[in-house]
Amino acid sequence: MGKPTGFIEFDRKNKKELAVLERIKNFDDFHIPFDLKTQREQASRCMNCGIPFCQSAMKVNNRNVGCPLSNLIPEWNHLIYLGLYEEAYKRLERTAPFPEFTGNVCPALCEACCSCSINGESVGIKANELFLIEEAFKNGWIKPNKNIKRNGKKVAIIGSGPAGLSCAKRLNSEGFSVTVYEKDDRFGGLLMYGIPNMKLEKDVIERRIKLLTEEGIIFVKNTKIGYDIPMSKILKEYDEVVFACGTSMPRGLMCEGSDAKGIIFAVDFLKETTKNLLDNQDFKYNLKGKNVVIVGGGDTANDCCGTAAREGANSVLELEITKEPPLENTLPWPNYPNKKKTDYGVFECNELYGTDIRRYCTTIDKVNKDENGNIKSIITKKVEFKNGRFEDIPNTFLELPCDYLILAMGFLGTKDEDSKKYNLEANRFRYNLNNFSYDDKISICGDMKNGQSLVVIAINDGKMCAEEIIKKYN
């Protein structure tokens, strides 16, 4: 399989991108797809390993290694190389419910443990996956299955994020009558409102929702279970209830002045920006000409950087409490690399402001407010991790101007108020990684169960949750 010498003949290529000053004019995807010749050459780099770690779905040192969905990567890479694109897509769809989501936003655990990466650069698996799903939609290879034989069982899925959609898709295919409830005005959960449009264009999500609707899944928006509809009614009406509500409680700032106006949770900032964009409204949080500080160094913080750049912020700083990662990877293959990376949003800000916007080993000591309670500036301090905790480094205080402070520091789980409305005891379901069942009628999956994680892991978790329910009725 594969071109035996492809990984020797062809170097890895990444998609070209629009120049920073051009792409920040809008919130559109800025990647330029390969031509077919290049796409086939890139697929030919797959080595047909004896043991393809890329699809292993295992853990090393308690960290995910390889594709959690166990995608048949060498098989569809080979078929792309041969130009058999429809056959390649058919291999992809056997394991991947939503390649258009993972092909856009996944950090590509598969590529990190590609055998090519031991002594070179990995195969561009993520780009190949996205190519296949877009070819499938473009050429009409994806058609709704409207002839599903129903088994008489009804399932309510609470939440339309990646876990909820994956669970719904699998259950529906097995004949369950599925209704998905979403509290927001659009479906997709964090895919819709937690990831900005330039990273995942929203018509991609709406295209999939339309397909799932045509296959018989009922979608109900603007409805929060436990509030708009009592749990007693849901439990009475449905045979199974699946909670896939994500993590709803962001981690806050614990310092003097943390109640200042102008401090925003990243999830609220990204949601409102996307909503304003789609509704053709002025931005609720208008960063134009403002001094912006973002706390956190993960994917969400990076997305906030890219959004701030597009809104025309006067300055952007990103504060990370951890130390600066090394330039060279310190972890052996097949672990996910531990090295400094610069994702699109940080890269854009670095280019715009002429310096690296990241400040490591740095946190906030105090927020200064004006007479109206608005944030005016912040006092930062340096810290170091010692004796199992972060300790202040003396004489490192620094005052910085700040008009908006965006908190991207992760999540603490489901709000206790929501758990009570769902009739759930939080300590019985949080972080119970290997058990989907809460009781004989209620299941929980995705970030709500596992804690915040990757989209691909949430998709797989929803799929596995569905399999457990299917087993009950077979």
Protein backbone atom coordinates (compact mmCIF):
# COMPACT_ATOMS: atom_id res chain seq x y z
CA MET A 1 0.00 0.00 0.00
CA GLY A 2 1.09 3.58 -0.59
CA LYS A 3 3.93 4.63 -2.77
CA PRO A 4 6.87 2.75 -1.21
CA THR A 5 9.25 5.67 -1.67
CA GLY A 6 6.74 8.51 -1.33
CA PHE A 7 8.01 9.65 2.06
CA ILE A 8 11.51 9.87 0.54
CA GLU A 9 10.54 11.55 -2.73
CA PHE A 10 8.17 14.18 -1.35
CA ASP A 11 8.64 16.56 1.55
CA ARG A 12 5.70 17.41 3.73
CA LYS A 13 3.80 20.46 2.56
CA ASN A 14 1.34 22.49 4.55
CA LYS A 15 -1.48 24.41 2.95
CA LYS A 16 -0.59 27.93 1.94
CA GLU A 17 -2.26 30.71 3.86
CA LEU A 18 -3.34 34.22 2.99
CA ALA A 19 -0.97 36.91 4.27
CA VAL A 20 -1.79 38.17 7.75
CA LEU A 21 -2.79 41.69 6.70
CA GLU A 22 -5.13 40.21 4.09
CA ARG A 23 -6.79 37.51 6.16
CA ILE A 24 -7.54 39.62 9.24
CA LYS A 25 -9.84 41.78 7.12
CA ASN A 26 -12.57 39.18 7.68
CA PHE A 27 -13.46 36.03 9.63
CA ASP A 28 -13.22 33.64 6.65
CA ASP A 29 -11.08 30.52 6.41
CA PHE A 30 -7.67 31.63 5.15
CA HIS A 31 -6.17 28.30 4.02
CA ILE A 32 -5.62 27.55 0.33
CA PRO A 33 -6.37 23.90 -0.62
CA PHE A 34 -3.83 21.78 -2.49
CA ASP A 35 -4.26 20.98 -6.16
CA LEU A 36 -5.02 17.29 -6.80
CA LYS A 37 -1.46 16.43 -7.84
CA THR A 38 -0.02 17.81 -4.59
CA GLN A 39 -2.79 16.17 -2.55
CA ARG A 40 -1.95 12.76 -4.02
CA GLU A 41 1.77 13.30 -3.46
CA GLN A 42 1.16 14.19 0.17
CA ALA A 43 -0.96 11.07 0.66
CA SER A 44 1.76 8.97 -0.95
CA ARG A 45 4.09 9.83 1.94
CA CYS A 46 2.21 7.32 4.12
CA MET A 47 4.66 4.47 4.77
CA ASN A 48 2.23 1.55 5.26
CA CYS A 49 3.73 0.87 8.68
CA GLY A 50 3.63 -2.62 10.10
CA ILE A 51 1.97 -1.13 13.17
CA PRO A 52 0.20 2.13 12.27
CA PHE A 53 0.38 4.09 15.52
CA CYS A 54 -1.58 6.90 13.85
CA GLN A 55 -4.80 4.91 14.29
CA SER A 56 -3.87 3.27 17.59
CA ALA A 57 -6.25 5.11 19.97
CA MET A 58 -4.11 4.28 22.98
CA LYS A 59 -2.65 6.10 25.96
CA VAL A 60 1.01 6.63 26.80
CA ASN A 61 1.78 8.09 30.24
CA ASN A 62 -1.95 8.75 30.61
CA ARG A 63 -2.02 10.92 27.49
CA ASN A 64 -3.89 10.17 24.27
CA VAL A 65 -1.72 8.85 21.45
CA GLY A 66 -3.06 8.29 17.96
CA CYS A 67 -6.55 8.87 16.61
CA PRO A 68 -9.23 8.31 19.30
CA LEU A 69 -11.64 7.27 16.52
CA SER A 70 -9.20 4.65 15.17
CA ASN A 71 -9.55 6.07 11.66
CA LEU A 72 -8.21 3.73 8.95
CA ILE A 73 -5.58 6.26 7.98
CA PRO A 74 -3.11 4.18 5.91
CA GLU A 75 -5.98 2.74 3.89
CA TRP A 76 -7.50 6.02 2.80
CA ASN A 77 -4.11 7.63 2.29
CA HIS A 78 -3.30 4.86 -0.18
CA LEU A 79 -6.61 5.33 -1.99
CA ILE A 80 -6.03 9.09 -2.26
CA TYR A 81 -2.62 8.38 -3.80
CA LEU A 82 -4.33 6.11 -6.35
CA GLY A 83 -6.88 8.82 -7.13
CA LEU A 84 -9.73 6.65 -5.84
CA TYR A 85 -11.27 9.43 -3.80
CA GLU A 86 -14.77 8.03 -3.33
CA GLU A 87 -13.39 4.70 -2.14
CA ALA A 88 -11.08 6.60 0.21
CA TYR A 89 -14.03 8.52 1.62
CA LYS A 90 -15.93 5.29 2.23
CA ARG A 91 -13.05 4.04 4.39
CA LEU A 92 -13.01 7.34 6.27
CA GLU A 93 -16.73 7.37 7.00
CA ARG A 94 -16.60 3.91 8.58
CA THR A 95 -15.03 5.38 11.71
CA ALA A 96 -15.30 9.18 11.50
CA PRO A 97 -18.77 10.68 12.10
CA PHE A 98 -17.75 14.26 11.27
CA PRO A 99 -14.45 14.55 9.34
CA GLU A 100 -15.32 18.13 8.43
CA PHE A 101 -15.05 19.08 12.11
CA THR A 102 -11.90 17.17 13.00
CA GLY A 103 -10.30 18.03 9.65
CA ASN A 104 -10.57 21.70 10.60
CA VAL A 105 -9.97 21.88 14.35
CA CYS A 106 -8.28 18.68 15.56
CA PRO A 107 -4.66 19.08 16.82
CA ALA A 108 -3.90 15.86 14.90
CA LEU A 109 -2.83 13.36 17.55
CA CYS A 110 -2.44 10.98 14.62
CA GLU A 111 0.31 13.06 13.05
CA ALA A 112 2.25 13.26 16.31
CA CYS A 113 2.80 9.50 16.32
CA CYS A 114 3.20 9.03 12.55
CA SER A 115 6.28 6.89 11.91
CA CYS A 116 7.54 9.48 9.43
CA SER A 117 7.91 11.92 12.32
CA ILE A 118 10.57 9.81 14.05
CA ASN A 119 13.26 11.07 11.71
CA GLY A 120 11.44 13.74 9.74
CA GLU A 121 8.02 15.29 9.29
CA SER A 122 4.76 13.41 9.63
CA VAL A 123 2.25 12.73 6.87
CA GLY A 124 -0.29 15.56 6.54
CA ILE A 125 -3.15 13.36 7.72
CA LYS A 126 -5.46 16.16 8.83
CA ALA A 127 -5.32 17.89 5.43
CA ASN A 128 -6.03 14.58 3.68
CA GLU A 129 -9.06 13.98 5.89
CA LEU A 130 -10.52 17.40 5.19
CA PHE A 131 -9.89 16.94 1.47
CA LEU A 132 -11.89 13.69 1.45
CA ILE A 133 -14.96 14.99 3.26
CA GLU A 134 -15.13 18.13 1.12
CA GLU A 135 -14.79 16.01 -2.04
CA ALA A 136 -17.61 13.81 -0.75
CA PHE A 137 -19.97 16.74 -0.23
CA LYS A 138 -18.95 18.39 -3.51
CA ASN A 139 -19.54 15.25 -5.56
CA GLY A 140 -22.77 14.11 -3.90
CA TRP A 141 -21.32 10.97 -2.31
CA ILE A 142 -23.04 11.84 0.95
CA LYS A 143 -26.77 11.23 0.87
CA PRO A 144 -29.20 11.13 3.78
CA ASN A 145 -30.46 7.70 4.77
CA LYS A 146 -34.22 8.17 4.86
CA ASN A 147 -35.10 4.47 5.12
CA ILE A 148 -34.09 3.79 8.71
CA LYS A 149 -36.28 1.18 10.38
CA ARG A 150 -37.37 2.54 13.76
CA ASN A 151 -37.19 0.36 16.87
CA GLY A 152 -39.83 2.21 18.86
CA LYS A 153 -37.42 3.67 21.41
CA LYS A 154 -37.10 7.42 22.00
CA VAL A 155 -33.94 9.19 23.12
CA ALA A 156 -33.48 12.78 24.28
CA ILE A 157 -29.98 14.20 23.88
CA ILE A 158 -29.27 17.33 25.89
CA GLY A 159 -26.66 19.39 24.06
CA SER A 160 -25.78 19.64 20.36
CA GLY A 161 -22.01 19.87 20.63
CA PRO A 162 -19.63 17.28 19.16
CA ALA A 163 -20.46 14.58 21.75
CA GLY A 164 -24.21 15.10 21.49
CA LEU A 165 -24.22 15.12 17.68
CA SER A 166 -22.05 12.01 17.51
CA CYS A 167 -24.28 10.14 19.93
CA ALA A 168 -27.39 11.27 18.04
CA LYS A 169 -26.00 10.19 14.68
CA ARG A 170 -25.12 6.70 15.87
CA LEU A 171 -28.38 6.09 17.73
CA ASN A 172 -30.45 7.36 14.82
CA SER A 173 -28.68 5.00 12.43
CA GLU A 174 -29.74 2.09 14.67
CA GLY A 175 -33.41 3.04 14.59
CA PHE A 176 -33.82 5.10 17.75
CA SER A 177 -36.03 8.18 17.45
CA VAL A 178 -33.72 10.96 18.57
CA THR A 179 -34.50 14.50 19.69
CA VAL A 180 -31.59 16.88 20.36
CA TYR A 181 -32.22 19.83 22.69
CA GLU A 182 -29.97 22.91 22.50
CA LYS A 183 -30.12 25.88 24.88
CA ASP A 184 -28.73 28.35 22.32
CA ASP A 185 -30.25 29.79 19.16
CA ARG A 186 -27.99 27.71 16.86
CA PHE A 187 -26.88 24.10 16.96
CA GLY A 188 -23.32 22.88 17.34
CA GLY A 189 -22.39 23.73 20.91
CA LEU A 190 -18.74 24.74 21.16
CA LEU A 191 -18.34 24.00 17.44
CA MET A 192 -20.73 26.86 16.72
CA TYR A 193 -20.01 29.34 19.48
CA GLY A 194 -16.72 28.26 21.07
CA ILE A 195 -14.58 28.13 17.92
CA PRO A 196 -14.30 31.24 15.71
CA ASN A 197 -15.49 31.28 12.12
CA MET A 198 -12.01 31.49 10.52
CA LYS A 199 -11.12 28.20 12.20
CA LEU A 200 -14.42 26.45 11.48
CA GLU A 201 -16.85 28.18 9.13
CA LYS A 202 -20.37 27.87 10.46
CA ASP A 203 -22.00 26.78 7.21
CA VAL A 204 -19.95 23.59 7.63
CA ILE A 205 -21.86 22.86 10.84
CA GLU A 206 -25.21 23.88 9.38
CA ARG A 207 -24.61 21.58 6.40
CA ARG A 208 -24.21 18.60 8.75
CA ILE A 209 -27.22 19.56 10.88
CA LYS A 210 -29.33 19.70 7.71
CA LEU A 211 -28.16 16.21 6.75
CA LEU A 212 -28.91 14.78 10.20
CA THR A 213 -32.35 16.41 10.11
CA GLU A 214 -33.07 14.80 6.75
CA GLU A 215 -32.18 11.45 8.33
CA GLY A 216 -34.88 11.90 10.95
CA ILE A 217 -33.21 13.53 13.95
CA ILE A 218 -35.35 16.25 15.53
CA PHE A 219 -33.50 19.39 16.65
CA VAL A 220 -35.03 21.78 19.21
CA LYS A 221 -33.21 25.06 19.92
CA ASN A 222 -33.61 27.83 22.51
CA THR A 223 -34.61 25.18 25.05
CA LYS A 224 -32.74 24.54 28.29
CA ILE A 225 -33.74 21.33 29.97
CA GLY A 226 -34.55 21.71 33.63
CA TYR A 227 -35.50 25.33 33.06
CA ASP A 228 -37.75 25.55 29.99
CA ILE A 229 -38.81 21.91 30.22
CA PRO A 230 -38.72 20.12 33.60
CA MET A 231 -36.68 16.94 33.88
CA SER A 232 -39.76 15.07 35.07
CA LYS A 233 -41.38 15.59 31.66
CA ILE A 234 -38.26 14.51 29.78
CA LEU A 235 -37.91 11.34 31.86
CA LYS A 236 -41.57 10.52 31.31
CA GLU A 237 -41.49 11.07 27.54
CA TYR A 238 -38.20 9.32 26.62
CA ASP A 239 -36.81 5.84 27.09
CA GLU A 240 -33.24 7.14 27.32
CA VAL A 241 -31.77 10.54 28.19
CA VAL A 242 -28.20 11.50 27.28
CA PHE A 243 -26.56 14.56 28.78
CA ALA A 244 -23.85 16.05 26.57
CA CYS A 245 -23.85 19.59 27.93
CA GLY A 246 -20.13 20.29 27.86
CA THR A 247 -18.45 22.29 30.61
CA SER A 248 -20.47 25.34 31.59
CA MET A 249 -18.42 26.81 34.45
CA PRO A 250 -15.30 28.73 33.33
CA ARG A 251 -12.44 29.28 35.78
CA GLY A 252 -12.49 32.83 37.13
CA LEU A 253 -9.87 35.32 38.28
CA MET A 254 -8.99 35.31 41.97
CA CYS A 255 -7.41 38.66 42.79
CA GLU A 256 -8.26 42.18 43.93
CA GLY A 257 -10.40 43.99 41.38
CA SER A 258 -11.64 40.85 39.66
CA ASP A 259 -15.16 42.32 39.58
CA ALA A 260 -14.15 45.15 37.22
CA LYS A 261 -16.20 45.87 34.11
CA GLY A 262 -14.30 44.76 31.03
CA ILE A 263 -13.29 41.35 32.36
CA ILE A 264 -14.79 38.72 30.04
CA PHE A 265 -14.74 34.95 29.96
CA ALA A 266 -13.30 33.73 26.66
CA VAL A 267 -16.31 31.52 25.97
CA ASP A 268 -18.63 34.56 26.27
CA PHE A 269 -16.35 36.69 24.11
CA LEU A 270 -16.09 34.10 21.32
CA LYS A 271 -19.79 33.29 21.47
CA GLU A 272 -20.93 36.90 21.21
CA THR A 273 -18.44 37.65 18.43
CA THR A 274 -19.64 34.71 16.33
CA LYS A 275 -23.28 35.48 17.05
CA ASN A 276 -22.82 39.15 16.10
CA LEU A 277 -21.00 38.10 12.93
CA LEU A 278 -23.71 35.65 11.85
CA ASP A 279 -26.53 38.06 12.75
CA ASN A 280 -24.76 40.92 10.92
CA GLN A 281 -24.67 43.03 14.06
CA ASP A 282 -22.08 45.31 15.63
CA PHE A 283 -19.72 43.48 17.97
CA LYS A 284 -20.93 43.48 21.56
CA TYR A 285 -17.30 43.42 22.69
CA ASN A 286 -15.68 45.84 20.27
CA LEU A 287 -11.90 45.64 20.68
CA LYS A 288 -11.04 48.22 18.01
CA GLY A 289 -8.33 50.50 19.36
CA LYS A 290 -8.35 48.78 22.76
CA ASN A 291 -5.51 47.32 24.83
CA VAL A 292 -6.36 43.64 25.28
CA VAL A 293 -4.84 41.14 27.69
CA ILE A 294 -5.67 37.44 27.38
CA VAL A 295 -5.01 35.09 30.29
CA GLY A 296 -4.25 31.52 29.22
CA GLY A 297 -2.09 29.77 26.67
CA GLY A 298 -4.31 27.09 25.13
CA ASP A 299 -6.34 26.81 21.95
CA THR A 300 -9.10 29.07 23.25
CA ALA A 301 -6.64 31.82 24.17
CA ASN A 302 -5.15 31.53 20.69
CA ASP A 303 -8.62 31.88 19.16
CA CYS A 304 -9.13 35.04 21.22
CA CYS A 305 -5.84 36.41 19.87
CA GLY A 306 -6.97 35.83 16.29
CA THR A 307 -10.34 37.42 17.01
CA ALA A 308 -8.73 40.47 18.66
CA ALA A 309 -6.49 40.90 15.61
CA ARG A 310 -9.54 40.91 13.32
CA GLU A 311 -11.35 43.45 15.49
CA GLY A 312 -8.43 45.86 15.30
CA ALA A 313 -7.13 45.83 18.87
CA ASN A 314 -4.48 48.45 19.61
CA SER A 315 -2.38 45.87 21.48
CA VAL A 316 -2.65 42.24 22.57
CA LEU A 317 -0.75 40.43 25.31
CA GLU A 318 -1.14 36.78 26.28
CA LEU A 319 -0.23 35.79 29.83
CA GLU A 320 0.72 32.19 30.54
CA ILE A 321 1.33 30.99 34.09
CA THR A 322 3.51 28.09 32.93
CA LYS A 323 7.11 28.41 31.82
CA GLU A 324 8.08 28.81 28.19
CA PRO A 325 8.17 25.45 26.39
CA PRO A 326 11.46 24.35 24.81
CA LEU A 327 12.10 25.00 21.12
CA GLU A 328 13.03 21.35 20.60
CA ASN A 329 10.72 18.50 21.57
CA THR A 330 11.62 16.85 24.89
CA LEU A 331 9.28 13.87 24.75
CA PRO A 332 10.11 10.66 22.86
CA TRP A 333 7.96 9.40 20.02
CA PRO A 334 5.05 8.50 19.99
CA ASN A 335 4.11 11.07 22.66
CA TYR A 336 2.49 14.32 21.56
CA PRO A 337 5.43 16.76 21.23
CA ASN A 338 6.37 19.01 24.12
CA LYS A 339 7.76 22.05 22.38
CA LYS A 340 6.90 25.65 21.74
CA LYS A 341 4.40 26.14 18.96
CA THR A 342 2.91 29.29 17.53
CA ASP A 343 -0.67 28.82 16.36
CA TYR A 344 -2.44 31.09 13.89
CA GLY A 345 -3.87 33.66 16.31
CA VAL A 346 -0.64 34.25 18.20
CA PHE A 347 1.27 34.30 14.90
CA GLU A 348 -1.06 36.97 13.52
CA CYS A 349 -0.64 39.15 16.61
CA ASN A 350 3.14 38.68 16.58
CA GLU A 351 3.18 39.88 12.97
CA LEU A 352 0.86 42.82 13.63
CA TYR A 353 2.55 44.12 16.76
CA GLY A 354 6.11 43.25 15.83
CA THR A 355 6.93 41.19 18.91
CA ASP A 356 6.04 37.92 20.60
CA ILE A 357 2.89 38.75 22.56
CA ARG A 358 3.36 35.88 25.04
CA ARG A 359 4.56 36.45 28.59
CA TYR A 360 5.44 33.23 30.41
CA CYS A 361 5.52 32.50 34.16
CA THR A 362 3.19 35.49 34.51
CA THR A 363 -0.14 35.98 36.23
CA ILE A 364 -2.28 38.86 37.50
CA ASP A 365 -1.84 40.23 41.02
CA LYS A 366 -4.39 43.05 40.87
CA VAL A 367 -6.87 44.76 38.56
CA ASN A 368 -7.07 48.55 38.78
CA LYS A 369 -10.45 50.21 38.17
CA ASP A 370 -11.51 53.72 37.31
CA GLU A 371 -14.19 55.68 39.19
CA ASN A 372 -16.93 53.92 37.16
CA GLY A 373 -15.69 50.44 37.94
CA ASN A 374 -14.17 49.87 34.50
CA ILE A 375 -10.86 48.10 34.17
CA LYS A 376 -8.03 50.60 33.72
CA SER A 377 -4.86 48.57 34.10
CA ILE A 378 -3.51 45.34 35.56
CA ILE A 379 -0.61 44.55 37.85
CA THR A 380 1.20 41.40 36.75
CA LYS A 381 3.76 39.34 38.62
CA LYS A 382 6.16 36.55 37.79
CA VAL A 383 5.70 33.12 39.37
CA GLU A 384 7.52 29.81 39.47
CA PHE A 385 6.28 26.30 40.17
CA LYS A 386 7.86 25.03 43.39
CA ASN A 387 6.84 22.50 46.02
CA GLY A 388 3.76 21.52 44.04
CA ARG A 389 2.37 25.04 43.64
CA PHE A 390 3.01 28.40 42.01
CA GLU A 391 5.00 30.83 44.16
CA ASP A 392 5.54 34.54 43.58
CA ILE A 393 8.92 35.81 42.43
CA PRO A 394 9.72 38.95 44.50
CA ASN A 395 10.06 42.37 42.88
CA THR A 396 8.50 41.37 39.55
CA PHE A 397 5.36 43.53 39.63
CA LEU A 398 4.52 45.39 36.42
CA GLU A 399 1.59 47.68 35.58
CA LEU A 400 0.13 47.34 32.09
CA PRO A 401 -2.69 49.30 30.41
CA CYS A 402 -5.77 47.15 29.83
CA ASP A 403 -9.23 47.94 28.46
CA TYR A 404 -10.40 44.33 28.10
CA LEU A 405 -9.20 41.34 30.09
CA ILE A 406 -10.22 38.03 28.51
CA LEU A 407 -10.03 34.92 30.70
CA ALA A 408 -9.21 31.68 28.87
CA MET A 409 -8.14 29.61 31.87
CA GLY A 410 -10.18 26.47 31.33
CA PHE A 411 -13.33 25.13 32.95
CA LEU A 412 -14.30 23.67 36.30
CA GLY A 413 -17.16 21.47 35.08
CA THR A 414 -20.94 21.77 35.18
CA LYS A 415 -22.52 24.49 37.28
CA ASP A 416 -24.03 23.11 40.48
CA GLU A 417 -27.29 24.93 39.69
CA ASP A 418 -27.52 23.13 36.33
CA SER A 419 -26.74 19.75 37.91
CA LYS A 420 -29.60 20.24 40.34
CA LYS A 421 -31.98 21.20 37.53
CA TYR A 422 -30.92 18.04 35.68
CA ASN A 423 -31.57 16.01 38.87
CA LEU A 424 -27.92 14.92 38.81
CA GLU A 425 -25.38 14.70 41.62
CA ALA A 426 -22.24 16.27 40.18
CA ASN A 427 -19.78 14.08 42.08
CA ARG A 428 -21.40 10.98 40.59
CA PHE A 429 -20.67 11.78 36.96
CA ARG A 430 -17.76 14.20 36.65
CA TYR A 431 -14.53 12.68 35.39
CA ASN A 432 -15.95 9.15 35.37
CA LEU A 433 -14.05 8.39 32.17
CA ASN A 434 -14.98 4.75 31.61
CA ASN A 435 -18.64 4.80 32.60
CA PHE A 436 -21.38 6.50 30.57
CA SER A 437 -24.34 5.29 32.63
CA TYR A 438 -25.61 7.47 35.46
CA ASP A 439 -28.59 5.24 36.14
CA ASP A 440 -30.81 2.85 34.20
CA LYS A 441 -32.21 5.66 32.05
CA ILE A 442 -29.63 8.49 32.04
CA SER A 443 -26.23 8.53 30.32
CA ILE A 444 -23.57 11.24 30.27
CA CYS A 445 -20.86 11.78 27.68
CA GLY A 446 -18.31 14.25 26.35
CA ASP A 447 -16.72 17.08 28.30
CA MET A 448 -19.55 17.02 30.83
CA LYS A 449 -18.29 13.60 31.94
CA ASN A 450 -14.58 13.81 31.13
CA GLY A 451 -13.75 17.45 31.77
CA GLN A 452 -12.65 19.78 28.98
CA SER A 453 -10.89 17.94 26.20
CA LEU A 454 -10.52 17.75 22.42
CA VAL A 455 -13.34 17.78 19.86
CA VAL A 456 -12.22 14.40 18.50
CA ILE A 457 -12.34 12.87 21.99
CA ALA A 458 -15.84 14.27 22.53
CA ILE A 459 -16.96 12.83 19.19
CA ASN A 460 -15.59 9.42 20.10
CA ASP A 461 -17.13 9.61 23.57
CA GLY A 462 -20.57 10.33 22.12
CA LYS A 463 -20.17 7.44 19.72
CA MET A 464 -19.17 5.04 22.51
CA CYS A 465 -22.05 6.24 24.69
CA ALA A 466 -24.45 5.40 21.86
CA GLU A 467 -22.93 1.92 21.58
CA GLU A 468 -23.65 1.28 25.28
CA ILE A 469 -27.30 2.28 24.81
CA ILE A 470 -27.60 0.13 21.67
CA LYS A 471 -26.34 -2.90 23.62
CA LYS A 472 -29.16 -2.51 26.12
CA TYR A 473 -31.78 -3.10 23.45
CA ASN A 474 -30.11 -5.85 21.42
